[in-house]
Amino acid sequence: MLIKVTEDNFEEEVLKSDKRVVVDFNADWCGPCRMLAPVVEQLSNEHPEVKFASVNVDDCGEIAAEYGINSIPCLIAFEKGEEIKRSLGFKPKAALLTLLV
């Protein structure tokens, strides 16, 4: 299941999560983001041990700036509130599996 995250709930849903969290930083107008969205949704359904979150960079500029998001789509894996891996741009599903382990 993919969770929509905002500046109001980012800390609770991502940084304080007891599970690994993969955050998809995206925007509605971004073609590669729209191509990646169903892949992320599919991964979220196949891997319930990992939490998946979506952050719209247009709506959450402070979070995007804090994590240096200057190109999208960008997926960041967090564990215990810390960034552990990052994937930039559209990638096929198989390439994204490295974010889950």
PDB file of N, CA and C in Angstrom:
ATOM      1  N   MET A   1       0.840  -1.183   0.000  1.00  0.00           N
ATOM      2  CA  MET A   1       0.000   0.000   0.000  1.00  0.00           C
ATOM      3  C   MET A   1       0.885   1.247   0.000  1.00  0.00           C
ATOM      4  N   LEU A   2       0.538   2.180  -0.834  1.00  0.00           N
ATOM      5  CA  LEU A   2       1.298   3.424  -0.973  1.00  0.00           C
ATOM      6  C   LEU A   2       0.615   4.519  -0.157  1.00  0.00           C
ATOM      7  N   ILE A   3       1.373   5.174   0.694  1.00  0.00           N
ATOM      8  CA  ILE A   3       0.855   6.223   1.572  1.00  0.00           C
ATOM      9  C   ILE A   3       1.241   7.590   1.011  1.00  0.00           C
ATOM     10  N   LYS A   4       0.283   8.499   0.932  1.00  0.00           N
ATOM     11  CA  LYS A   4       0.589   9.882   0.544  1.00  0.00           C
ATOM     12  C   LYS A   4       1.130  10.587   1.779  1.00  0.00           C
ATOM     13  N   VAL A   5       2.322  11.156   1.657  1.00  0.00           N
ATOM     14  CA  VAL A   5       2.963  11.807   2.796  1.00  0.00           C
ATOM     15  C   VAL A   5       3.039  13.309   2.537  1.00  0.00           C
ATOM     16  N   THR A   6       2.787  14.069   3.597  1.00  0.00           N
ATOM     17  CA  THR A   6       2.855  15.529   3.526  1.00  0.00           C
ATOM     18  C   THR A   6       3.854  16.021   4.565  1.00  0.00           C
ATOM     19  N   GLU A   7       4.050  17.323   4.593  1.00  0.00           N
ATOM     20  CA  GLU A   7       4.954  17.880   5.609  1.00  0.00           C
ATOM     21  C   GLU A   7       4.403  17.651   7.016  1.00  0.00           C
ATOM     22  N   ASP A   8       3.088  17.481   7.135  1.00  0.00           N
ATOM     23  CA  ASP A   8       2.476  17.255   8.450  1.00  0.00           C
ATOM     24  C   ASP A   8       2.748  15.862   9.005  1.00  0.00           C
ATOM     25  N   ASN A   9       2.854  14.852   8.124  1.00  0.00           N
ATOM     26  CA  ASN A   9       2.995  13.489   8.642  1.00  0.00           C
ATOM     27  C   ASN A   9       4.300  12.788   8.227  1.00  0.00           C
ATOM     28  N   PHE A  10       5.218  13.497   7.576  1.00  0.00           N
ATOM     29  CA  PHE A  10       6.468  12.892   7.113  1.00  0.00           C
ATOM     30  C   PHE A  10       7.263  12.292   8.274  1.00  0.00           C
ATOM     31  N   GLU A  11       7.418  13.047   9.328  1.00  0.00           N
ATOM     32  CA  GLU A  11       8.212  12.552  10.466  1.00  0.00           C
ATOM     33  C   GLU A  11       7.608  11.273  11.041  1.00  0.00           C
ATOM     34  N   GLU A  12       6.299  11.271  11.246  1.00  0.00           N
ATOM     35  CA  GLU A  12       5.627  10.112  11.841  1.00  0.00           C
ATOM     36  C   GLU A  12       5.664   8.899  10.904  1.00  0.00           C
ATOM     37  N   GLU A  13       5.318   9.102   9.628  1.00  0.00           N
ATOM     38  CA  GLU A  13       5.199   7.987   8.682  1.00  0.00           C
ATOM     39  C   GLU A  13       6.550   7.468   8.189  1.00  0.00           C
ATOM     40  N   VAL A  14       7.541   8.346   8.074  1.00  0.00           N
ATOM     41  CA  VAL A  14       8.829   7.940   7.492  1.00  0.00           C
ATOM     42  C   VAL A  14       9.918   7.834   8.556  1.00  0.00           C
ATOM     43  N   LEU A  15      10.202   8.929   9.228  1.00  0.00           N
ATOM     44  CA  LEU A  15      11.352   8.963  10.134  1.00  0.00           C
ATOM     45  C   LEU A  15      11.159   8.138  11.396  1.00  0.00           C
ATOM     46  N   LYS A  16       9.927   8.016  11.861  1.00  0.00           N
ATOM     47  CA  LYS A  16       9.673   7.248  13.090  1.00  0.00           C
ATOM     48  C   LYS A  16       9.140   5.846  12.825  1.00  0.00           C
ATOM     49  N   SER A  17       9.130   5.421  11.573  1.00  0.00           N
ATOM     50  CA  SER A  17       8.604   4.105  11.218  1.00  0.00           C
ATOM     51  C   SER A  17       9.515   3.004  11.751  1.00  0.00           C
ATOM     52  N   ASP A  18       8.907   1.907  12.198  1.00  0.00           N
ATOM     53  CA  ASP A  18       9.694   0.760  12.652  1.00  0.00           C
ATOM     54  C   ASP A  18      10.039  -0.173  11.490  1.00  0.00           C
ATOM     55  N   LYS A  19       9.548   0.150  10.276  1.00  0.00           N
ATOM     56  CA  LYS A  19       9.853  -0.616   9.073  1.00  0.00           C
ATOM     57  C   LYS A  19      10.748   0.224   8.162  1.00  0.00           C
ATOM     58  N   ARG A  20      11.391  -0.435   7.226  1.00  0.00           N
ATOM     59  CA  ARG A  20      12.068   0.307   6.160  1.00  0.00           C
ATOM     60  C   ARG A  20      10.981   1.043   5.370  1.00  0.00           C
ATOM     61  N   VAL A  21      11.296   2.260   4.949  1.00  0.00           N
ATOM     62  CA  VAL A  21      10.357   3.063   4.175  1.00  0.00           C
ATOM     63  C   VAL A  21      11.031   3.501   2.879  1.00  0.00           C
ATOM     64  N   VAL A  22      10.352   3.270   1.766  1.00  0.00           N
ATOM     65  CA  VAL A  22      10.823   3.750   0.471  1.00  0.00           C
ATOM     66  C   VAL A  22       9.923   4.914   0.079  1.00  0.00           C
ATOM     67  N   VAL A  23      10.530   6.087  -0.064  1.00  0.00           N
ATOM     68  CA  VAL A  23       9.779   7.301  -0.382  1.00  0.00           C
ATOM     69  C   VAL A  23      10.000   7.667  -1.841  1.00  0.00           C
ATOM     70  N   ASP A  24       8.898   7.824  -2.563  1.00  0.00           N
ATOM     71  CA  ASP A  24       8.907   8.228  -3.965  1.00  0.00           C
ATOM     72  C   ASP A  24       8.668   9.736  -4.019  1.00  0.00           C
ATOM     73  N   PHE A  25       9.717  10.491  -4.329  1.00  0.00           N
ATOM     74  CA  PHE A  25       9.590  11.936  -4.510  1.00  0.00           C
ATOM     75  C   PHE A  25       9.225  12.169  -5.971  1.00  0.00           C
ATOM     76  N   ASN A  26       8.082  12.841  -6.211  1.00  0.00           N
ATOM     77  CA  ASN A  26       7.551  12.966  -7.561  1.00  0.00           C
ATOM     78  C   ASN A  26       6.767  14.259  -7.734  1.00  0.00           C
ATOM     79  N   ALA A  27       6.238  14.459  -8.937  1.00  0.00           N
ATOM     80  CA  ALA A  27       5.345  15.589  -9.225  1.00  0.00           C
ATOM     81  C   ALA A  27       4.339  15.140 -10.280  1.00  0.00           C
ATOM     82  N   ASP A  28       3.148  15.731 -10.233  1.00  0.00           N
ATOM     83  CA  ASP A  28       2.076  15.354 -11.158  1.00  0.00           C
ATOM     84  C   ASP A  28       2.456  15.594 -12.618  1.00  0.00           C
ATOM     85  N   TRP A  29       3.238  16.629 -12.889  1.00  0.00           N
ATOM     86  CA  TRP A  29       3.578  17.023 -14.257  1.00  0.00           C
ATOM     87  C   TRP A  29       4.751  16.238 -14.847  1.00  0.00           C
ATOM     88  N   CYS A  30       5.379  15.390 -14.065  1.00  0.00           N
ATOM     89  CA  CYS A  30       6.608  14.681 -14.444  1.00  0.00           C
ATOM     90  C   CYS A  30       6.281  13.363 -15.153  1.00  0.00           C
ATOM     91  N   GLY A  31       6.627  13.276 -16.441  1.00  0.00           N
ATOM     92  CA  GLY A  31       6.368  12.059 -17.210  1.00  0.00           C
ATOM     93  C   GLY A  31       7.037  10.817 -16.637  1.00  0.00           C
ATOM     94  N   PRO A  32       8.347  10.844 -16.354  1.00  0.00           N
ATOM     95  CA  PRO A  32       8.992   9.667 -15.761  1.00  0.00           C
ATOM     96  C   PRO A  32       8.382   9.292 -14.403  1.00  0.00           C
ATOM     97  N   CYS A  33       7.912  10.281 -13.659  1.00  0.00           N
ATOM     98  CA  CYS A  33       7.257   9.992 -12.371  1.00  0.00           C
ATOM     99  C   CYS A  33       5.975   9.201 -12.608  1.00  0.00           C
ATOM    100  N   ARG A  34       5.209   9.605 -13.618  1.00  0.00           N
ATOM    101  CA  ARG A  34       3.960   8.907 -13.932  1.00  0.00           C
ATOM    102  C   ARG A  34       4.239   7.488 -14.425  1.00  0.00           C
ATOM    103  N   MET A  35       5.370   7.303 -15.114  1.00  0.00           N
ATOM    104  CA  MET A  35       5.756   5.957 -15.567  1.00  0.00           C
ATOM    105  C   MET A  35       6.184   5.083 -14.387  1.00  0.00           C
ATOM    106  N   LEU A  36       6.817   5.689 -13.402  1.00  0.00           N
ATOM    107  CA  LEU A  36       7.322   4.946 -12.252  1.00  0.00           C
ATOM    108  C   LEU A  36       6.222   4.608 -11.242  1.00  0.00           C
ATOM    109  N   ALA A  37       5.192   5.426 -11.173  1.00  0.00           N
ATOM    110  CA  ALA A  37       4.143   5.261 -10.154  1.00  0.00           C
ATOM    111  C   ALA A  37       3.546   3.851 -10.117  1.00  0.00           C
ATOM    112  N   PRO A  38       3.153   3.248 -11.255  1.00  0.00           N
ATOM    113  CA  PRO A  38       2.591   1.896 -11.165  1.00  0.00           C
ATOM    114  C   PRO A  38       3.608   0.854 -10.719  1.00  0.00           C
ATOM    115  N   VAL A  39       4.885   1.073 -11.012  1.00  0.00           N
ATOM    116  CA  VAL A  39       5.936   0.151 -10.570  1.00  0.00           C
ATOM    117  C   VAL A  39       6.056   0.212  -9.048  1.00  0.00           C
ATOM    118  N   VAL A  40       6.055   1.418  -8.505  1.00  0.00           N
ATOM    119  CA  VAL A  40       6.142   1.590  -7.049  1.00  0.00           C
ATOM    120  C   VAL A  40       4.893   1.002  -6.383  1.00  0.00           C
ATOM    121  N   GLU A  41       3.731   1.222  -6.969  1.00  0.00           N
ATOM    122  CA  GLU A  41       2.486   0.660  -6.437  1.00  0.00           C
ATOM    123  C   GLU A  41       2.550  -0.867  -6.424  1.00  0.00           C
ATOM    124  N   GLN A  42       3.060  -1.456  -7.493  1.00  0.00           N
ATOM    125  CA  GLN A  42       3.187  -2.908  -7.569  1.00  0.00           C
ATOM    126  C   GLN A  42       4.156  -3.430  -6.497  1.00  0.00           C
ATOM    127  N   LEU A  43       5.299  -2.773  -6.345  1.00  0.00           N
ATOM    128  CA  LEU A  43       6.246  -3.175  -5.301  1.00  0.00           C
ATOM    129  C   LEU A  43       5.619  -3.078  -3.921  1.00  0.00           C
ATOM    130  N   SER A  44       4.831  -2.029  -3.706  1.00  0.00           N
ATOM    131  CA  SER A  44       4.213  -1.848  -2.386  1.00  0.00           C
ATOM    132  C   SER A  44       3.234  -2.980  -2.080  1.00  0.00           C
ATOM    133  N   ASN A  45       2.560  -3.491  -3.108  1.00  0.00           N
ATOM    134  CA  ASN A  45       1.629  -4.603  -2.906  1.00  0.00           C
ATOM    135  C   ASN A  45       2.353  -5.930  -2.715  1.00  0.00           C
ATOM    136  N   GLU A  46       3.506  -6.070  -3.323  1.00  0.00           N
ATOM    137  CA  GLU A  46       4.265  -7.327  -3.260  1.00  0.00           C
ATOM    138  C   GLU A  46       5.174  -7.433  -2.037  1.00  0.00           C
ATOM    139  N   HIS A  47       5.455  -6.301  -1.384  1.00  0.00           N
ATOM    140  CA  HIS A  47       6.403  -6.299  -0.264  1.00  0.00           C
ATOM    141  C   HIS A  47       5.803  -5.591   0.957  1.00  0.00           C
ATOM    142  N   PRO A  48       4.885  -6.267   1.658  1.00  0.00           N
ATOM    143  CA  PRO A  48       4.246  -5.645   2.822  1.00  0.00           C
ATOM    144  C   PRO A  48       5.204  -5.390   3.987  1.00  0.00           C
ATOM    145  N   GLU A  49       6.387  -5.993   3.945  1.00  0.00           N
ATOM    146  CA  GLU A  49       7.372  -5.774   5.011  1.00  0.00           C
ATOM    147  C   GLU A  49       8.039  -4.408   4.894  1.00  0.00           C
ATOM    148  N   VAL A  50       7.830  -3.736   3.761  1.00  0.00           N
ATOM    149  CA  VAL A  50       8.378  -2.404   3.526  1.00  0.00           C
ATOM    150  C   VAL A  50       7.233  -1.425   3.378  1.00  0.00           C
ATOM    151  N   LYS A  51       7.367  -0.255   3.979  1.00  0.00           N
ATOM    152  CA  LYS A  51       6.364   0.800   3.821  1.00  0.00           C
ATOM    153  C   LYS A  51       6.755   1.652   2.623  1.00  0.00           C
ATOM    154  N   PHE A  52       5.785   1.984   1.791  1.00  0.00           N
ATOM    155  CA  PHE A  52       6.018   2.834   0.619  1.00  0.00           C
ATOM    156  C   PHE A  52       5.241   4.124   0.786  1.00  0.00           C
ATOM    157  N   ALA A  53       5.907   5.232   0.504  1.00  0.00           N
ATOM    158  CA  ALA A  53       5.285   6.548   0.659  1.00  0.00           C
ATOM    159  C   ALA A  53       5.550   7.381  -0.586  1.00  0.00           C
ATOM    160  N   SER A  54       4.628   8.294  -0.857  1.00  0.00           N
ATOM    161  CA  SER A  54       4.748   9.185  -2.000  1.00  0.00           C
ATOM    162  C   SER A  54       4.750  10.626  -1.508  1.00  0.00           C
ATOM    163  N   VAL A  55       5.729  11.406  -1.979  1.00  0.00           N
ATOM    164  CA  VAL A  55       5.819  12.822  -1.618  1.00  0.00           C
ATOM    165  C   VAL A  55       5.784  13.651  -2.903  1.00  0.00           C
ATOM    166  N   ASN A  56       4.793  14.504  -3.027  1.00  0.00           N
ATOM    167  CA  ASN A  56       4.709  15.423  -4.156  1.00  0.00           C
ATOM    168  C   ASN A  56       5.622  16.611  -3.843  1.00  0.00           C
ATOM    169  N   VAL A  57       6.669  16.794  -4.646  1.00  0.00           N
ATOM    170  CA  VAL A  57       7.657  17.840  -4.346  1.00  0.00           C
ATOM    171  C   VAL A  57       7.079  19.246  -4.487  1.00  0.00           C
ATOM    172  N   ASP A  58       6.036  19.401  -5.303  1.00  0.00           N
ATOM    173  CA  ASP A  58       5.402  20.719  -5.441  1.00  0.00           C
ATOM    174  C   ASP A  58       4.646  21.097  -4.172  1.00  0.00           C
ATOM    175  N   ASP A  59       4.074  20.092  -3.500  1.00  0.00           N
ATOM    176  CA  ASP A  59       3.313  20.336  -2.271  1.00  0.00           C
ATOM    177  C   ASP A  59       4.193  20.330  -1.024  1.00  0.00           C
ATOM    178  N   CYS A  60       5.340  19.679  -1.105  1.00  0.00           N
ATOM    179  CA  CYS A  60       6.204  19.480   0.066  1.00  0.00           C
ATOM    180  C   CYS A  60       7.622  19.968  -0.229  1.00  0.00           C
ATOM    181  N   GLY A  61       7.742  21.235  -0.579  1.00  0.00           N
ATOM    182  CA  GLY A  61       9.024  21.806  -0.958  1.00  0.00           C
ATOM    183  C   GLY A  61      10.076  21.744   0.134  1.00  0.00           C
ATOM    184  N   GLU A  62       9.662  21.902   1.387  1.00  0.00           N
ATOM    185  CA  GLU A  62      10.637  21.873   2.482  1.00  0.00           C
ATOM    186  C   GLU A  62      11.280  20.501   2.621  1.00  0.00           C
ATOM    187  N   ILE A  63      10.475  19.444   2.512  1.00  0.00           N
ATOM    188  CA  ILE A  63      11.015  18.082   2.605  1.00  0.00           C
ATOM    189  C   ILE A  63      11.944  17.821   1.427  1.00  0.00           C
ATOM    190  N   ALA A  64      11.514  18.202   0.226  1.00  0.00           N
ATOM    191  CA  ALA A  64      12.340  17.998  -0.965  1.00  0.00           C
ATOM    192  C   ALA A  64      13.681  18.719  -0.820  1.00  0.00           C
ATOM    193  N   ALA A  65      13.656  19.940  -0.314  1.00  0.00           N
ATOM    194  CA  ALA A  65      14.898  20.704  -0.123  1.00  0.00           C
ATOM    195  C   ALA A  65      15.783  20.045   0.932  1.00  0.00           C
ATOM    196  N   GLU A  66      15.171  19.577   2.007  1.00  0.00           N
ATOM    197  CA  GLU A  66      15.935  18.960   3.094  1.00  0.00           C
ATOM    198  C   GLU A  66      16.718  17.738   2.611  1.00  0.00           C
ATOM    199  N   TYR A  67      16.149  16.995   1.664  1.00  0.00           N
ATOM    200  CA  TYR A  67      16.810  15.792   1.161  1.00  0.00           C
ATOM    201  C   TYR A  67      17.496  16.011  -0.181  1.00  0.00           C
ATOM    202  N   GLY A  68      17.645  17.277  -0.587  1.00  0.00           N
ATOM    203  CA  GLY A  68      18.394  17.604  -1.787  1.00  0.00           C
ATOM    204  C   GLY A  68      17.788  17.062  -3.062  1.00  0.00           C
ATOM    205  N   ILE A  69      16.476  17.048  -3.124  1.00  0.00           N
ATOM    206  CA  ILE A  69      15.801  16.541  -4.322  1.00  0.00           C
ATOM    207  C   ILE A  69      15.820  17.634  -5.382  1.00  0.00           C
ATOM    208  N   ASN A  70      16.671  17.471  -6.387  1.00  0.00           N
ATOM    209  CA  ASN A  70      16.708  18.455  -7.467  1.00  0.00           C
ATOM    210  C   ASN A  70      16.422  17.816  -8.817  1.00  0.00           C
ATOM    211  N   SER A  71      16.124  16.520  -8.804  1.00  0.00           N
ATOM    212  CA  SER A  71      15.714  15.799  -9.999  1.00  0.00           C
ATOM    213  C   SER A  71      14.744  14.704  -9.570  1.00  0.00           C
ATOM    214  N   ILE A  72      13.679  14.547 -10.359  1.00  0.00           N
ATOM    215  CA  ILE A  72      12.679  13.538 -10.019  1.00  0.00           C
ATOM    216  C   ILE A  72      12.403  12.669 -11.238  1.00  0.00           C
ATOM    217  N   PRO A  73      11.918  11.446 -11.049  1.00  0.00           N
ATOM    218  CA  PRO A  73      11.607  10.829  -9.767  1.00  0.00           C
ATOM    219  C   PRO A  73      12.878  10.451  -8.998  1.00  0.00           C
ATOM    220  N   CYS A  74      12.741  10.459  -7.698  1.00  0.00           N
ATOM    221  CA  CYS A  74      13.827  10.060  -6.813  1.00  0.00           C
ATOM    222  C   CYS A  74      13.234   9.192  -5.711  1.00  0.00           C
ATOM    223  N   LEU A  75      13.744   7.993  -5.574  1.00  0.00           N
ATOM    224  CA  LEU A  75      13.311   7.098  -4.504  1.00  0.00           C
ATOM    225  C   LEU A  75      14.405   7.049  -3.447  1.00  0.00           C
ATOM    226  N   ILE A  76      13.999   7.227  -2.197  1.00  0.00           N
ATOM    227  CA  ILE A  76      14.950   7.137  -1.090  1.00  0.00           C
ATOM    228  C   ILE A  76      14.447   6.099  -0.103  1.00  0.00           C
ATOM    229  N   ALA A  77      15.330   5.179   0.267  1.00  0.00           N
ATOM    230  CA  ALA A  77      15.016   4.187   1.288  1.00  0.00           C
ATOM    231  C   ALA A  77      15.518   4.695   2.627  1.00  0.00           C
ATOM    232  N   PHE A  78      14.629   4.671   3.617  1.00  0.00           N
ATOM    233  CA  PHE A  78      14.955   5.093   4.974  1.00  0.00           C
ATOM    234  C   PHE A  78      14.859   3.899   5.910  1.00  0.00           C
ATOM    235  N   GLU A  79      15.761   3.852   6.866  1.00  0.00           N
ATOM    236  CA  GLU A  79      15.674   2.866   7.928  1.00  0.00           C
ATOM    237  C   GLU A  79      16.031   3.556   9.238  1.00  0.00           C
ATOM    238  N   LYS A  80      15.150   3.433  10.220  1.00  0.00           N
ATOM    239  CA  LYS A  80      15.330   4.079  11.523  1.00  0.00           C
ATOM    240  C   LYS A  80      15.579   5.580  11.376  1.00  0.00           C
ATOM    241  N   GLY A  81      14.864   6.198  10.417  1.00  0.00           N
ATOM    242  CA  GLY A  81      14.939   7.641  10.240  1.00  0.00           C
ATOM    243  C   GLY A  81      16.116   8.140   9.437  1.00  0.00           C
ATOM    244  N   GLU A  82      16.968   7.230   8.963  1.00  0.00           N
ATOM    245  CA  GLU A  82      18.162   7.624   8.211  1.00  0.00           C
ATOM    246  C   GLU A  82      18.072   7.150   6.765  1.00  0.00           C
ATOM    247  N   GLU A  83      18.543   8.000   5.847  1.00  0.00           N
ATOM    248  CA  GLU A  83      18.609   7.592   4.446  1.00  0.00           C
ATOM    249  C   GLU A  83      19.683   6.525   4.298  1.00  0.00           C
ATOM    250  N   ILE A  84      19.323   5.408   3.635  1.00  0.00           N
ATOM    251  CA  ILE A  84      20.308   4.344   3.445  1.00  0.00           C
ATOM    252  C   ILE A  84      20.612   4.077   1.970  1.00  0.00           C
ATOM    253  N   LYS A  85      19.663   4.361   1.079  1.00  0.00           N
ATOM    254  CA  LYS A  85      19.881   4.156  -0.353  1.00  0.00           C
ATOM    255  C   LYS A  85      19.050   5.166  -1.126  1.00  0.00           C
ATOM    256  N   ARG A  86      19.483   5.441  -2.367  1.00  0.00           N
ATOM    257  CA  ARG A  86      18.786   6.408  -3.215  1.00  0.00           C
ATOM    258  C   ARG A  86      18.824   5.914  -4.659  1.00  0.00           C
ATOM    259  N   SER A  87      17.719   6.107  -5.374  1.00  0.00           N
ATOM    260  CA  SER A  87      17.630   5.763  -6.790  1.00  0.00           C
ATOM    261  C   SER A  87      17.055   6.960  -7.527  1.00  0.00           C
ATOM    262  N   LEU A  88      17.762   7.425  -8.543  1.00  0.00           N
ATOM    263  CA  LEU A  88      17.355   8.626  -9.267  1.00  0.00           C
ATOM    264  C   LEU A  88      16.896   8.267 -10.669  1.00  0.00           C
ATOM    265  N   GLY A  89      15.779   8.838 -11.087  1.00  0.00           N
ATOM    266  CA  GLY A  89      15.254   8.619 -12.429  1.00  0.00           C
ATOM    267  C   GLY A  89      14.427   7.356 -12.528  1.00  0.00           C
ATOM    268  N   PHE A  90      13.819   7.170 -13.701  1.00  0.00           N
ATOM    269  CA  PHE A  90      13.019   5.965 -13.924  1.00  0.00           C
ATOM    270  C   PHE A  90      13.937   4.760 -14.040  1.00  0.00           C
ATOM    271  N   LYS A  91      13.582   3.701 -13.331  1.00  0.00           N
ATOM    272  CA  LYS A  91      14.313   2.439 -13.422  1.00  0.00           C
ATOM    273  C   LYS A  91      13.277   1.316 -13.453  1.00  0.00           C
ATOM    274  N   PRO A  92      13.613   0.196 -14.096  1.00  0.00           N
ATOM    275  CA  PRO A  92      12.682  -0.933 -14.104  1.00  0.00           C
ATOM    276  C   PRO A  92      12.559  -1.540 -12.709  1.00  0.00           C
ATOM    277  N   LYS A  93      11.503  -2.288 -12.533  1.00  0.00           N
ATOM    278  CA  LYS A  93      11.190  -2.892 -11.237  1.00  0.00           C
ATOM    279  C   LYS A  93      12.370  -3.677 -10.659  1.00  0.00           C
ATOM    280  N   ALA A  94      13.018  -4.479 -11.475  1.00  0.00           N
ATOM    281  CA  ALA A  94      14.125  -5.307 -10.984  1.00  0.00           C
ATOM    282  C   ALA A  94      15.243  -4.459 -10.382  1.00  0.00           C
ATOM    283  N   ALA A  95      15.516  -3.301 -10.967  1.00  0.00           N
ATOM    284  CA  ALA A  95      16.576  -2.428 -10.467  1.00  0.00           C
ATOM    285  C   ALA A  95      16.193  -1.787  -9.135  1.00  0.00           C
ATOM    286  N   LEU A  96      14.903  -1.653  -8.879  1.00  0.00           N
ATOM    287  CA  LEU A  96      14.449  -1.018  -7.633  1.00  0.00           C
ATOM    288  C   LEU A  96      14.444  -1.963  -6.450  1.00  0.00           C
ATOM    289  N   LEU A  97      14.557  -3.259  -6.691  1.00  0.00           N
ATOM    290  CA  LEU A  97      14.537  -4.227  -5.598  1.00  0.00           C
ATOM    291  C   LEU A  97      15.693  -4.022  -4.624  1.00  0.00           C
ATOM    292  N   THR A  98      16.779  -3.406  -5.074  1.00  0.00           N
ATOM    293  CA  THR A  98      17.924  -3.166  -4.170  1.00  0.00           C
ATOM    294  C   THR A  98      17.553  -2.203  -3.043  1.00  0.00           C
ATOM    295  N   LEU A  99      16.504  -1.402  -3.241  1.00  0.00           N
ATOM    296  CA  LEU A  99      16.067  -0.478  -2.181  1.00  0.00           C
ATOM    297  C   LEU A  99      15.375  -1.218  -1.026  1.00  0.00           C
ATOM    298  N   LEU A 100      14.948  -2.441  -1.294  1.00  0.00           N
ATOM    299  CA  LEU A 100      14.131  -3.162  -0.326  1.00  0.00           C
ATOM    300  C   LEU A 100      14.941  -3.998   0.649  1.00  0.00           C
ATOM    301  N   VAL A 101      16.224  -4.223   0.344  1.00  0.00           N
ATOM    302  CA  VAL A 101      17.043  -5.090   1.225  1.00  0.00           C
ATOM    303  C   VAL A 101      18.281  -4.354   1.708  1.00  0.00           C
TER     304      VAL A 101
END
